[in-house]
Amino acid sequence: MTSETSSGAVFSIMNAQSCRSLFEAVEVAYQYSSQSLLQLLLNGYSLRSHFESLGKFFLLQHGDFFIQFMDIAEQDLRKEVKDITIVRLNHLLQLAIQTSTLASDDHKDLISCTLASHNLIQHLHLIQVRLSHH
């Protein structure tokens, strides 16, 4: 065995050990930063509370607000999109929330309406077209 080959083998072993050490250092840093971020989101920004609100509003655990909203906004929602006043729709949504079991939810003020530029059938068609291209 030549000295060049043996020094190359030693270099490879040292390089592998360095890579392993680097990997371990990156793994420790990843675990620390992930845990720190999770704690910040849970404690500093009340992530659990936000998830609970999502469950109430979007998974309809307390769906009475939605029924109230649909009832009071029915005439507005029957109009063409261009004729709907988004400010009025948001006002009706907040009114429905205030008179529902979600009136005391900490995040109720973050809920608002937006309008799509196309109807449900057009939206489903767009989804189908995008899926067929993948």
C-alpha atoms as a PDB file:
ATOM      1  CA  MET A   1       0.000   0.000   0.000  1.00  0.00           C
ATOM      2  CA  THR A   2       1.402   3.382  -0.931  1.00  0.00           C
ATOM      3  CA  SER A   3       1.559   6.284   1.434  1.00  0.00           C
ATOM      4  CA  GLU A   4      -0.750   8.202  -0.888  1.00  0.00           C
ATOM      5  CA  THR A   5      -3.413   5.504  -0.605  1.00  0.00           C
ATOM      6  CA  SER A   6      -3.063   5.212   3.143  1.00  0.00           C
ATOM      7  CA  SER A   7      -3.215   8.999   3.636  1.00  0.00           C
ATOM      8  CA  GLY A   8      -6.302   9.099   1.413  1.00  0.00           C
ATOM      9  CA  ALA A   9      -7.919   6.410   3.559  1.00  0.00           C
ATOM     10  CA  VAL A  10      -7.061   8.324   6.738  1.00  0.00           C
ATOM     11  CA  PHE A  11      -8.484  11.474   5.177  1.00  0.00           C
ATOM     12  CA  SER A  12     -11.692   9.613   4.267  1.00  0.00           C
ATOM     13  CA  ILE A  13     -12.072   8.300   7.818  1.00  0.00           C
ATOM     14  CA  MET A  14     -11.443  11.772   9.253  1.00  0.00           C
ATOM     15  CA  ASN A  15     -13.826  13.273   6.699  1.00  0.00           C
ATOM     16  CA  ALA A  16     -16.527  10.727   7.628  1.00  0.00           C
ATOM     17  CA  GLN A  17     -16.060  11.526  11.328  1.00  0.00           C
ATOM     18  CA  SER A  18     -16.265  15.254  10.571  1.00  0.00           C
ATOM     19  CA  CYS A  19     -19.439  14.705   8.554  1.00  0.00           C
ATOM     20  CA  ARG A  20     -20.953  12.667  11.390  1.00  0.00           C
ATOM     21  CA  SER A  21     -20.032  15.397  13.888  1.00  0.00           C
ATOM     22  CA  LEU A  22     -21.461  18.058  11.599  1.00  0.00           C
ATOM     23  CA  PHE A  23     -24.659  16.035  11.148  1.00  0.00           C
ATOM     24  CA  GLU A  24     -24.991  15.634  14.921  1.00  0.00           C
ATOM     25  CA  ALA A  25     -24.431  19.360  15.466  1.00  0.00           C
ATOM     26  CA  VAL A  26     -27.066  20.235  12.843  1.00  0.00           C
ATOM     27  CA  GLU A  27     -29.480  17.717  14.404  1.00  0.00           C
ATOM     28  CA  VAL A  28     -29.016  19.241  17.877  1.00  0.00           C
ATOM     29  CA  ALA A  29     -29.516  22.748  16.483  1.00  0.00           C
ATOM     30  CA  TYR A  30     -32.624  21.593  14.584  1.00  0.00           C
ATOM     31  CA  GLN A  31     -34.135  19.968  17.677  1.00  0.00           C
ATOM     32  CA  TYR A  32     -33.400  23.044  19.806  1.00  0.00           C
ATOM     33  CA  SER A  33     -34.812  25.519  17.270  1.00  0.00           C
ATOM     34  CA  SER A  34     -37.899  23.366  16.625  1.00  0.00           C
ATOM     35  CA  GLN A  35     -38.618  23.077  20.337  1.00  0.00           C
ATOM     36  CA  SER A  36     -38.018  26.809  20.858  1.00  0.00           C
ATOM     37  CA  LEU A  37     -40.350  27.722  17.989  1.00  0.00           C
ATOM     38  CA  LEU A  38     -43.054  25.371  19.247  1.00  0.00           C
ATOM     39  CA  GLN A  39     -42.833  26.831  22.753  1.00  0.00           C
ATOM     40  CA  LEU A  40     -42.997  30.370  21.350  1.00  0.00           C
ATOM     41  CA  LEU A  41     -46.085  29.525  19.289  1.00  0.00           C
ATOM     42  CA  LEU A  42     -47.796  27.681  22.147  1.00  0.00           C
ATOM     43  CA  ASN A  43     -46.968  30.103  24.956  1.00  0.00           C
ATOM     44  CA  GLY A  44     -46.215  33.420  23.280  1.00  0.00           C
ATOM     45  CA  TYR A  45     -48.910  33.354  20.612  1.00  0.00           C
ATOM     46  CA  SER A  46     -51.534  31.031  22.146  1.00  0.00           C
ATOM     47  CA  LEU A  47     -51.430  28.560  19.264  1.00  0.00           C
ATOM     48  CA  ARG A  48     -53.663  26.079  21.107  1.00  0.00           C
ATOM     49  CA  SER A  49     -56.309  28.765  21.575  1.00  0.00           C
ATOM     50  CA  HIS A  50     -56.180  29.588  17.858  1.00  0.00           C
ATOM     51  CA  PHE A  51     -56.603  25.907  16.982  1.00  0.00           C
ATOM     52  CA  GLU A  52     -59.591  25.676  19.307  1.00  0.00           C
ATOM     53  CA  SER A  53     -61.158  28.669  17.556  1.00  0.00           C
ATOM     54  CA  LEU A  54     -60.484  27.088  14.165  1.00  0.00           C
ATOM     55  CA  GLY A  55     -62.319  24.010  15.344  1.00  0.00           C
ATOM     56  CA  LYS A  56     -65.265  26.058  16.531  1.00  0.00           C
ATOM     57  CA  PHE A  57     -65.568  28.241  13.444  1.00  0.00           C
ATOM     58  CA  PHE A  58     -64.380  26.129  10.529  1.00  0.00           C
ATOM     59  CA  LEU A  59     -65.159  22.619  11.708  1.00  0.00           C
ATOM     60  CA  LEU A  60     -68.487  23.950  12.983  1.00  0.00           C
ATOM     61  CA  GLN A  61     -68.207  22.562  16.501  1.00  0.00           C
ATOM     62  CA  HIS A  62     -70.447  25.508  17.342  1.00  0.00           C
ATOM     63  CA  GLY A  63     -72.241  25.910  14.020  1.00  0.00           C
ATOM     64  CA  ASP A  64     -75.077  28.114  15.233  1.00  0.00           C
ATOM     65  CA  PHE A  65     -73.227  31.246  14.060  1.00  0.00           C
ATOM     66  CA  PHE A  66     -73.135  29.870  10.514  1.00  0.00           C
ATOM     67  CA  ILE A  67     -76.860  29.174  10.421  1.00  0.00           C
ATOM     68  CA  GLN A  68     -77.569  32.636  11.821  1.00  0.00           C
ATOM     69  CA  PHE A  69     -75.230  34.196   9.270  1.00  0.00           C
ATOM     70  CA  MET A  70     -76.837  32.330   6.370  1.00  0.00           C
ATOM     71  CA  ASP A  71     -80.287  33.389   7.599  1.00  0.00           C
ATOM     72  CA  ILE A  72     -79.511  37.100   8.004  1.00  0.00           C
ATOM     73  CA  ALA A  73     -77.310  37.331   4.899  1.00  0.00           C
ATOM     74  CA  GLU A  74     -79.530  35.252   2.617  1.00  0.00           C
ATOM     75  CA  GLN A  75     -80.729  38.134   0.447  1.00  0.00           C
ATOM     76  CA  ASP A  76     -77.235  39.566   0.115  1.00  0.00           C
ATOM     77  CA  LEU A  77     -75.782  36.173  -0.780  1.00  0.00           C
ATOM     78  CA  ARG A  78     -78.327  35.687  -3.560  1.00  0.00           C
ATOM     79  CA  LYS A  79     -76.991  38.755  -5.385  1.00  0.00           C
ATOM     80  CA  GLU A  80     -74.328  38.746  -8.069  1.00  0.00           C
ATOM     81  CA  VAL A  81     -70.834  39.067  -6.574  1.00  0.00           C
ATOM     82  CA  LYS A  82     -70.381  42.530  -8.098  1.00  0.00           C
ATOM     83  CA  ASP A  83     -73.518  43.729  -6.278  1.00  0.00           C
ATOM     84  CA  ILE A  84     -72.553  42.462  -2.813  1.00  0.00           C
ATOM     85  CA  THR A  85     -71.060  44.916  -0.335  1.00  0.00           C
ATOM     86  CA  ILE A  86     -68.295  43.085   1.507  1.00  0.00           C
ATOM     87  CA  VAL A  87     -68.446  45.539   4.414  1.00  0.00           C
ATOM     88  CA  ARG A  88     -72.120  44.720   4.933  1.00  0.00           C
ATOM     89  CA  LEU A  89     -71.426  41.000   4.668  1.00  0.00           C
ATOM     90  CA  ASN A  90     -68.678  41.229   7.287  1.00  0.00           C
ATOM     91  CA  HIS A  91     -70.997  43.242   9.526  1.00  0.00           C
ATOM     92  CA  LEU A  92     -73.653  40.532   9.232  1.00  0.00           C
ATOM     93  CA  LEU A  93     -71.060  37.858  10.001  1.00  0.00           C
ATOM     94  CA  GLN A  94     -69.931  39.681  13.133  1.00  0.00           C
ATOM     95  CA  LEU A  95     -73.565  40.148  14.166  1.00  0.00           C
ATOM     96  CA  ALA A  96     -74.167  36.406  13.742  1.00  0.00           C
ATOM     97  CA  ILE A  97     -71.067  35.609  15.798  1.00  0.00           C
ATOM     98  CA  GLN A  98     -72.040  38.069  18.546  1.00  0.00           C
ATOM     99  CA  THR A  99     -75.461  36.462  18.906  1.00  0.00           C
ATOM    100  CA  SER A 100     -74.131  32.877  18.879  1.00  0.00           C
ATOM    101  CA  THR A 101     -72.435  30.580  21.353  1.00  0.00           C
ATOM    102  CA  LEU A 102     -69.098  31.914  20.002  1.00  0.00           C
ATOM    103  CA  ALA A 103     -69.661  35.460  21.263  1.00  0.00           C
ATOM    104  CA  SER A 104     -66.984  35.018  23.929  1.00  0.00           C
ATOM    105  CA  ASP A 105     -64.344  33.436  21.655  1.00  0.00           C
ATOM    106  CA  ASP A 106     -61.023  35.284  21.953  1.00  0.00           C
ATOM    107  CA  HIS A 107     -60.405  35.218  18.209  1.00  0.00           C
ATOM    108  CA  LYS A 108     -63.869  36.053  16.875  1.00  0.00           C
ATOM    109  CA  ASP A 109     -62.677  39.417  15.548  1.00  0.00           C
ATOM    110  CA  LEU A 110     -60.227  37.676  13.211  1.00  0.00           C
ATOM    111  CA  ILE A 111     -63.051  36.037  11.224  1.00  0.00           C
ATOM    112  CA  SER A 112     -64.125  37.847   8.069  1.00  0.00           C
ATOM    113  CA  CYS A 113     -65.684  37.227   4.657  1.00  0.00           C
ATOM    114  CA  THR A 114     -64.136  37.356   1.238  1.00  0.00           C
ATOM    115  CA  LEU A 115     -65.815  36.759  -2.072  1.00  0.00           C
ATOM    116  CA  ALA A 116     -64.583  34.535  -4.852  1.00  0.00           C
ATOM    117  CA  SER A 117     -64.673  35.883  -8.376  1.00  0.00           C
ATOM    118  CA  HIS A 118     -66.340  32.680  -9.600  1.00  0.00           C
ATOM    119  CA  ASN A 119     -69.157  30.408  -8.464  1.00  0.00           C
ATOM    120  CA  LEU A 120     -68.900  26.929  -6.957  1.00  0.00           C
ATOM    121  CA  ILE A 121     -69.196  25.086 -10.274  1.00  0.00           C
ATOM    122  CA  GLN A 122     -66.454  27.229 -11.835  1.00  0.00           C
ATOM    123  CA  HIS A 123     -64.269  26.694  -8.765  1.00  0.00           C
ATOM    124  CA  LEU A 124     -64.704  22.902  -8.904  1.00  0.00           C
ATOM    125  CA  HIS A 125     -63.847  22.995 -12.615  1.00  0.00           C
ATOM    126  CA  LEU A 126     -60.639  24.930 -11.872  1.00  0.00           C
ATOM    127  CA  ILE A 127     -59.673  22.327  -9.276  1.00  0.00           C
ATOM    128  CA  GLN A 128     -60.328  19.534 -11.741  1.00  0.00           C
ATOM    129  CA  VAL A 129     -58.226  21.241 -14.433  1.00  0.00           C
ATOM    130  CA  ARG A 130     -55.305  21.755 -12.036  1.00  0.00           C
ATOM    131  CA  LEU A 131     -55.448  18.159 -10.849  1.00  0.00           C
ATOM    132  CA  SER A 132     -55.459  16.829 -14.392  1.00  0.00           C
ATOM    133  CA  HIS A 133     -52.250  18.761 -15.170  1.00  0.00           C
ATOM    134  CA  HIS A 134     -50.362  17.023 -12.343  1.00  0.00           C
END
